[in-house]
PDB file of N, CA and C in Angstrom:
ATOM      1  N   MET A   1      21.310  13.286  13.194  1.00  0.00           N
ATOM      2  CA  MET A   1      21.206  11.854  13.228  1.00  0.00           C
ATOM      3  C   MET A   1      21.135  11.352  14.670  1.00  0.00           C
ATOM      4  N   LEU A   2      21.867  11.983  15.548  1.00  0.00           N
ATOM      5  CA  LEU A   2      21.823  11.570  16.949  1.00  0.00           C
ATOM      6  C   LEU A   2      20.443  11.787  17.547  1.00  0.00           C
ATOM      7  N   ALA A   3      19.773  12.849  17.132  1.00  0.00           N
ATOM      8  CA  ALA A   3      18.421  13.100  17.629  1.00  0.00           C
ATOM      9  C   ALA A   3      17.471  12.002  17.163  1.00  0.00           C
ATOM     10  N   CYS A   4      17.620  11.571  15.929  1.00  0.00           N
ATOM     11  CA  CYS A   4      16.774  10.487  15.409  1.00  0.00           C
ATOM     12  C   CYS A   4      17.012   9.199  16.187  1.00  0.00           C
ATOM     13  N   LEU A   5      18.267   8.884  16.430  1.00  0.00           N
ATOM     14  CA  LEU A   5      18.581   7.686  17.202  1.00  0.00           C
ATOM     15  C   LEU A   5      18.034   7.779  18.620  1.00  0.00           C
ATOM     16  N   TYR A   6      18.081   8.959  19.198  1.00  0.00           N
ATOM     17  CA  TYR A   6      17.541   9.163  20.541  1.00  0.00           C
ATOM     18  C   TYR A   6      16.036   8.906  20.559  1.00  0.00           C
ATOM     19  N   VAL A   7      15.332   9.418  19.559  1.00  0.00           N
ATOM     20  CA  VAL A   7      13.880   9.215  19.486  1.00  0.00           C
ATOM     21  C   VAL A   7      13.568   7.741  19.256  1.00  0.00           C
ATOM     22  N   LEU A   8      14.294   7.094  18.349  1.00  0.00           N
ATOM     23  CA  LEU A   8      14.060   5.677  18.076  1.00  0.00           C
ATOM     24  C   LEU A   8      14.349   4.818  19.300  1.00  0.00           C
ATOM     25  N   HIS A   9      15.337   5.195  20.069  1.00  0.00           N
ATOM     26  CA  HIS A   9      15.689   4.453  21.273  1.00  0.00           C
ATOM     27  C   HIS A   9      14.557   4.498  22.304  1.00  0.00           C
ATOM     28  N   GLY A  10      13.794   5.555  22.294  1.00  0.00           N
ATOM     29  CA  GLY A  10      12.728   5.713  23.273  1.00  0.00           C
ATOM     30  C   GLY A  10      11.429   5.006  22.918  1.00  0.00           C
ATOM     31  N   LEU A  11      11.351   4.399  21.741  1.00  0.00           N
ATOM     32  CA  LEU A  11      10.118   3.722  21.345  1.00  0.00           C
ATOM     33  C   LEU A  11       9.965   2.406  22.091  1.00  0.00           C
ATOM     34  N   SER A  12       8.732   2.029  22.346  1.00  0.00           N
ATOM     35  CA  SER A  12       8.470   0.785  23.073  1.00  0.00           C
ATOM     36  C   SER A  12       8.643  -0.415  22.143  1.00  0.00           C
ATOM     37  N   TRP A  13       8.706  -1.597  22.749  1.00  0.00           N
ATOM     38  CA  TRP A  13       8.915  -2.814  21.962  1.00  0.00           C
ATOM     39  C   TRP A  13       7.723  -3.109  21.071  1.00  0.00           C
ATOM     40  N   ILE A  14       6.519  -2.733  21.494  1.00  0.00           N
ATOM     41  CA  ILE A  14       5.329  -3.000  20.681  1.00  0.00           C
ATOM     42  C   ILE A  14       5.369  -2.161  19.398  1.00  0.00           C
ATOM     43  N   THR A  15       5.914  -0.969  19.487  1.00  0.00           N
ATOM     44  CA  THR A  15       6.052  -0.125  18.302  1.00  0.00           C
ATOM     45  C   THR A  15       7.002  -0.768  17.305  1.00  0.00           C
ATOM     46  N   TRP A  16       8.112  -1.300  17.794  1.00  0.00           N
ATOM     47  CA  TRP A  16       9.068  -1.977  16.918  1.00  0.00           C
ATOM     48  C   TRP A  16       8.456  -3.234  16.312  1.00  0.00           C
ATOM     49  N   LEU A  17       7.639  -3.947  17.085  1.00  0.00           N
ATOM     50  CA  LEU A  17       6.986  -5.157  16.581  1.00  0.00           C
ATOM     51  C   LEU A  17       5.996  -4.823  15.473  1.00  0.00           C
ATOM     52  N   VAL A  18       5.179  -3.808  15.683  1.00  0.00           N
ATOM     53  CA  VAL A  18       4.223  -3.383  14.659  1.00  0.00           C
ATOM     54  C   VAL A  18       4.967  -2.904  13.417  1.00  0.00           C
ATOM     55  N   PHE A  19       6.031  -2.167  13.611  1.00  0.00           N
ATOM     56  CA  PHE A  19       6.832  -1.689  12.481  1.00  0.00           C
ATOM     57  C   PHE A  19       7.424  -2.858  11.692  1.00  0.00           C
ATOM     58  N   ALA A  20       7.960  -3.854  12.382  1.00  0.00           N
ATOM     59  CA  ALA A  20       8.551  -5.014  11.710  1.00  0.00           C
ATOM     60  C   ALA A  20       7.494  -5.795  10.934  1.00  0.00           C
ATOM     61  N   CYS A  21       6.309  -5.954  11.512  1.00  0.00           N
ATOM     62  CA  CYS A  21       5.225  -6.650  10.804  1.00  0.00           C
ATOM     63  C   CYS A  21       4.803  -5.862   9.571  1.00  0.00           C
ATOM     64  N   TRP A  22       4.683  -4.567   9.711  1.00  0.00           N
ATOM     65  CA  TRP A  22       4.299  -3.718   8.581  1.00  0.00           C
ATOM     66  C   TRP A  22       5.339  -3.799   7.459  1.00  0.00           C
ATOM     67  N   VAL A  23       6.600  -3.756   7.808  1.00  0.00           N
ATOM     68  CA  VAL A  23       7.664  -3.852   6.809  1.00  0.00           C
ATOM     69  C   VAL A  23       7.621  -5.217   6.120  1.00  0.00           C
ATOM     70  N   ALA A  24       7.376  -6.283   6.863  1.00  0.00           N
ATOM     71  CA  ALA A  24       7.310  -7.621   6.273  1.00  0.00           C
ATOM     72  C   ALA A  24       6.153  -7.730   5.285  1.00  0.00           C
ATOM     73  N   VAL A  25       4.989  -7.194   5.647  1.00  0.00           N
ATOM     74  CA  VAL A  25       3.825  -7.244   4.754  1.00  0.00           C
ATOM     75  C   VAL A  25       4.087  -6.431   3.493  1.00  0.00           C
ATOM     76  N   VAL A  26       4.596  -5.237   3.642  1.00  0.00           N
ATOM     77  CA  VAL A  26       4.848  -4.369   2.486  1.00  0.00           C
ATOM     78  C   VAL A  26       5.938  -4.961   1.598  1.00  0.00           C
ATOM     79  N   LEU A  27       6.972  -5.525   2.179  1.00  0.00           N
ATOM     80  CA  LEU A  27       8.044  -6.127   1.393  1.00  0.00           C
ATOM     81  C   LEU A  27       7.535  -7.337   0.606  1.00  0.00           C
ATOM     82  N   ALA A  28       6.708  -8.172   1.237  1.00  0.00           N
ATOM     83  CA  ALA A  28       6.135  -9.320   0.530  1.00  0.00           C
ATOM     84  C   ALA A  28       5.260  -8.849  -0.623  1.00  0.00           C
ATOM     85  N   PHE A  29       4.428  -7.845  -0.387  1.00  0.00           N
ATOM     86  CA  PHE A  29       3.579  -7.300  -1.450  1.00  0.00           C
ATOM     87  C   PHE A  29       4.431  -6.735  -2.583  1.00  0.00           C
ATOM     88  N   TYR A  30       5.460  -6.004  -2.247  1.00  0.00           N
ATOM     89  CA  TYR A  30       6.345  -5.396  -3.245  1.00  0.00           C
ATOM     90  C   TYR A  30       7.011  -6.467  -4.109  1.00  0.00           C
ATOM     91  N   LEU A  31       7.533  -7.506  -3.469  1.00  0.00           N
ATOM     92  CA  LEU A  31       8.220  -8.553  -4.223  1.00  0.00           C
ATOM     93  C   LEU A  31       7.255  -9.355  -5.086  1.00  0.00           C
ATOM     94  N   LEU A  32       6.081  -9.693  -4.549  1.00  0.00           N
ATOM     95  CA  LEU A  32       5.107 -10.459  -5.330  1.00  0.00           C
ATOM     96  C   LEU A  32       4.542  -9.630  -6.471  1.00  0.00           C
ATOM     97  N   TRP A  33       4.236  -8.381  -6.227  1.00  0.00           N
ATOM     98  CA  TRP A  33       3.710  -7.501  -7.273  1.00  0.00           C
ATOM     99  C   TRP A  33       4.764  -7.291  -8.362  1.00  0.00           C
ATOM    100  N   GLY A  34       5.995  -7.045  -7.958  1.00  0.00           N
ATOM    101  CA  GLY A  34       7.059  -6.814  -8.923  1.00  0.00           C
ATOM    102  C   GLY A  34       7.343  -8.031  -9.778  1.00  0.00           C
ATOM    103  N   ARG A  35       7.292  -9.200  -9.178  1.00  0.00           N
ATOM    104  CA  ARG A  35       7.539 -10.429  -9.940  1.00  0.00           C
ATOM    105  C   ARG A  35       6.444 -10.654 -10.968  1.00  0.00           C
ATOM    106  N   ARG A  36       5.221 -10.365 -10.615  1.00  0.00           N
ATOM    107  CA  ARG A  36       4.087 -10.594 -11.516  1.00  0.00           C
ATOM    108  C   ARG A  36       4.017  -9.538 -12.612  1.00  0.00           C
ATOM    109  N   HIS A  37       4.335  -8.302 -12.313  1.00  0.00           N
ATOM    110  CA  HIS A  37       4.160  -7.197 -13.251  1.00  0.00           C
ATOM    111  C   HIS A  37       5.478  -6.680 -13.829  1.00  0.00           C
ATOM    112  N   SER A  38       6.514  -7.483 -13.771  1.00  0.00           N
ATOM    113  CA  SER A  38       7.813  -7.068 -14.285  1.00  0.00           C
ATOM    114  C   SER A  38       7.788  -6.949 -15.805  1.00  0.00           C
ATOM    115  N   ALA A  39       8.502  -5.960 -16.330  1.00  0.00           N
ATOM    116  CA  ALA A  39       8.613  -5.810 -17.785  1.00  0.00           C
ATOM    117  C   ALA A  39       9.374  -6.992 -18.382  1.00  0.00           C
ATOM    118  N   LEU A  40      10.293  -7.561 -17.645  1.00  0.00           N
ATOM    119  CA  LEU A  40      11.032  -8.722 -18.133  1.00  0.00           C
ATOM    120  C   LEU A  40      10.150  -9.960 -18.197  1.00  0.00           C
ATOM    121  N   ASN A  41       9.074  -9.970 -17.434  1.00  0.00           N
ATOM    122  CA  ASN A  41       8.148 -11.091 -17.446  1.00  0.00           C
ATOM    123  C   ASN A  41       7.401 -11.169 -18.773  1.00  0.00           C
ATOM    124  N   ALA A  42       7.310 -10.062 -19.504  1.00  0.00           N
ATOM    125  CA  ALA A  42       6.562 -10.021 -20.753  1.00  0.00           C
ATOM    126  C   ALA A  42       7.397 -10.454 -21.953  1.00  0.00           C
ATOM    127  N   LEU A  43       8.678 -10.750 -21.753  1.00  0.00           N
ATOM    128  CA  LEU A  43       9.512 -11.172 -22.866  1.00  0.00           C
ATOM    129  C   LEU A  43       9.065 -12.540 -23.373  1.00  0.00           C
ATOM    130  N   PRO A  44       9.102 -12.749 -24.687  1.00  0.00           N
ATOM    131  CA  PRO A  44       8.697 -14.055 -25.221  1.00  0.00           C
ATOM    132  C   PRO A  44       9.709 -15.128 -24.838  1.00  0.00           C
ATOM    133  N   ASP A  45       9.207 -16.338 -24.718  1.00  0.00           N
ATOM    134  CA  ASP A  45      10.090 -17.460 -24.423  1.00  0.00           C
ATOM    135  C   ASP A  45      10.947 -17.772 -25.646  1.00  0.00           C
ATOM    136  N   VAL A  46      12.140 -18.241 -25.417  1.00  0.00           N
ATOM    137  CA  VAL A  46      13.031 -18.619 -26.513  1.00  0.00           C
ATOM    138  C   VAL A  46      12.600 -19.989 -27.012  1.00  0.00           C
ATOM    139  N   VAL A  47      12.397 -20.092 -28.314  1.00  0.00           N
ATOM    140  CA  VAL A  47      11.986 -21.350 -28.926  1.00  0.00           C
ATOM    141  C   VAL A  47      13.240 -22.099 -29.354  1.00  0.00           C
ATOM    142  N   ALA A  48      13.212 -23.413 -29.226  1.00  0.00           N
ATOM    143  CA  ALA A  48      14.363 -24.220 -29.628  1.00  0.00           C
ATOM    144  C   ALA A  48      14.698 -23.941 -31.087  1.00  0.00           C
ATOM    145  N   GLY A  49      15.958 -23.725 -31.369  1.00  0.00           N
ATOM    146  CA  GLY A  49      16.392 -23.459 -32.731  1.00  0.00           C
ATOM    147  C   GLY A  49      16.591 -21.986 -33.018  1.00  0.00           C
ATOM    148  N   ASP A  50      16.138 -21.114 -32.148  1.00  0.00           N
ATOM    149  CA  ASP A  50      16.352 -19.682 -32.344  1.00  0.00           C
ATOM    150  C   ASP A  50      17.832 -19.366 -32.172  1.00  0.00           C
ATOM    151  N   ARG A  51      18.307 -18.447 -32.982  1.00  0.00           N
ATOM    152  CA  ARG A  51      19.692 -18.011 -32.869  1.00  0.00           C
ATOM    153  C   ARG A  51      19.800 -16.964 -31.768  1.00  0.00           C
ATOM    154  N   PRO A  52      20.864 -17.013 -30.983  1.00  0.00           N
ATOM    155  CA  PRO A  52      21.058 -15.944 -29.986  1.00  0.00           C
ATOM    156  C   PRO A  52      21.404 -14.637 -30.685  1.00  0.00           C
ATOM    157  N   LEU A  53      21.081 -13.544 -30.056  1.00  0.00           N
ATOM    158  CA  LEU A  53      21.400 -12.235 -30.610  1.00  0.00           C
ATOM    159  C   LEU A  53      22.902 -12.021 -30.588  1.00  0.00           C
ATOM    160  N   PRO A  54      23.444 -11.315 -31.584  1.00  0.00           N
ATOM    161  CA  PRO A  54      24.901 -11.078 -31.613  1.00  0.00           C
ATOM    162  C   PRO A  54      25.332 -10.137 -30.519  1.00  0.00           C
TER     163      PRO A  54
END
């Protein structure tokens, strides 16, 4: 782990900036894709008067 931290410490600021931008883009895509294609999204809406499940 110390070797990894040593290597990460030696990276330039532009590398960290590109990495942060890449993570932000991928995270936004992941959250938007997951929200749209979620299995819970396919559940039917509850109609007024329906009984709750026991």
